[in-house]
Amino acid sequence: MDEAFVLNLAREALTTVLLVSGPILGLGLLVGLVVSIFQATTQIQEQTLTFIPKIVVVMVSIIIFGPWMLRVMLDFTSRLWLNLNTFVK
């Protein structure tokens, strides 16, 4: 294993992590921003108002994006297992 191979493997791993976590984090961020703007305009300072919508959106996004996320992770894992012989040379 040379340096380029290890860097390529690390790049693929980070890309997979960003692809899998991106939709959930993006939707959570968007909902948090909308709730914050709503709280600022109405001056409602209820603490549960910030958490409940984000939790609901994250759960719904896991349901919606779950099969795709699983497929991305399985593709990465299968590529790792198929190239296992190059890791242990």
Protein backbone atom coordinates (compact mmCIF):
# COMPACT_ATOMS: atom_id res chain seq x y z
CA MET A 1 0.00 0.00 0.00
CA ASP A 2 1.44 3.31 -1.02
CA GLU A 3 0.44 6.80 0.06
CA ALA A 4 -1.78 7.46 -2.95
CA PHE A 5 -3.81 4.32 -2.28
CA VAL A 6 -4.37 5.24 1.38
CA LEU A 7 -5.31 8.81 0.48
CA ASN A 8 -7.74 7.58 -2.18
CA LEU A 9 -9.34 5.19 0.31
CA ALA A 10 -9.66 7.97 2.91
CA ARG A 11 -11.17 10.28 0.28
CA GLU A 12 -13.74 7.65 -0.66
CA ALA A 13 -14.59 7.07 3.00
CA LEU A 14 -15.08 10.79 3.66
CA THR A 15 -17.16 11.17 0.50
CA THR A 16 -19.37 8.30 1.62
CA VAL A 17 -19.82 9.84 5.07
CA LEU A 18 -20.73 13.21 3.56
CA LEU A 19 -23.16 11.64 1.10
CA VAL A 20 -24.90 9.62 3.80
CA SER A 21 -25.11 12.37 6.41
CA GLY A 22 -25.70 15.29 4.05
CA PRO A 23 -29.45 15.05 3.47
CA ILE A 24 -30.28 14.59 7.15
CA LEU A 25 -27.99 17.38 8.33
CA GLY A 26 -29.17 19.71 5.57
CA LEU A 27 -32.83 19.22 6.35
CA GLY A 28 -32.18 19.59 10.09
CA LEU A 29 -30.29 22.81 9.43
CA LEU A 30 -33.06 24.16 7.22
CA VAL A 31 -35.78 23.38 9.75
CA GLY A 32 -33.69 24.89 12.56
CA LEU A 33 -33.26 28.06 10.54
CA VAL A 34 -36.98 28.31 9.77
CA VAL A 35 -37.91 27.73 13.43
CA SER A 36 -35.35 30.32 14.56
CA ILE A 37 -36.75 32.90 12.13
CA PHE A 38 -40.27 32.06 13.34
CA GLN A 39 -39.20 32.48 16.97
CA ALA A 40 -37.46 35.77 16.24
CA THR A 41 -40.45 37.25 14.42
CA THR A 42 -43.06 36.14 16.95
CA GLN A 43 -40.81 36.48 20.03
CA ILE A 44 -41.84 33.02 21.25
CA GLN A 45 -39.02 31.60 23.36
CA GLU A 46 -40.32 28.08 23.92
CA GLN A 47 -37.40 25.63 24.17
CA THR A 48 -39.32 22.60 22.91
CA LEU A 49 -40.24 24.49 19.76
CA THR A 50 -36.66 24.20 18.54
CA PHE A 51 -36.25 20.47 19.15
CA ILE A 52 -39.55 18.83 18.22
CA PRO A 53 -39.65 19.95 14.54
CA LYS A 54 -36.00 18.99 14.03
CA ILE A 55 -36.54 15.55 15.55
CA VAL A 56 -39.59 14.96 13.37
CA VAL A 57 -37.81 16.10 10.20
CA VAL A 58 -34.75 13.96 10.94
CA MET A 59 -36.92 10.87 11.52
CA VAL A 60 -38.91 11.50 8.33
CA SER A 61 -35.72 12.07 6.34
CA ILE A 62 -34.29 8.79 7.66
CA ILE A 63 -37.43 7.04 6.46
CA ILE A 64 -37.26 8.73 3.05
CA PHE A 65 -33.49 8.59 2.46
CA GLY A 66 -32.82 5.38 4.41
CA PRO A 67 -32.82 2.95 1.47
CA TRP A 68 -30.54 5.21 -0.56
CA MET A 69 -28.19 5.72 2.41
CA LEU A 70 -28.05 1.96 2.98
CA ARG A 71 -27.26 1.37 -0.70
CA VAL A 72 -24.41 3.92 -0.63
CA MET A 73 -22.92 2.36 2.49
CA LEU A 74 -23.29 -1.18 1.12
CA ASP A 75 -21.59 -0.16 -2.15
CA PHE A 76 -18.65 1.30 -0.25
CA THR A 77 -18.42 -1.76 2.00
CA SER A 78 -18.58 -4.18 -0.92
CA ARG A 79 -15.79 -2.26 -2.68
CA LEU A 80 -13.71 -2.56 0.49
CA TRP A 81 -14.31 -6.30 0.72
CA LEU A 82 -13.58 -6.83 -2.97
CA ASN A 83 -10.27 -4.97 -2.67
CA LEU A 84 -9.28 -6.62 0.59
CA ASN A 85 -6.46 -8.55 -1.10
CA THR A 86 -4.75 -5.30 -2.07
CA PHE A 87 -4.82 -4.13 1.56
CA VAL A 88 -2.96 -7.10 3.00
CA LYS A 89 -0.27 -7.66 0.37
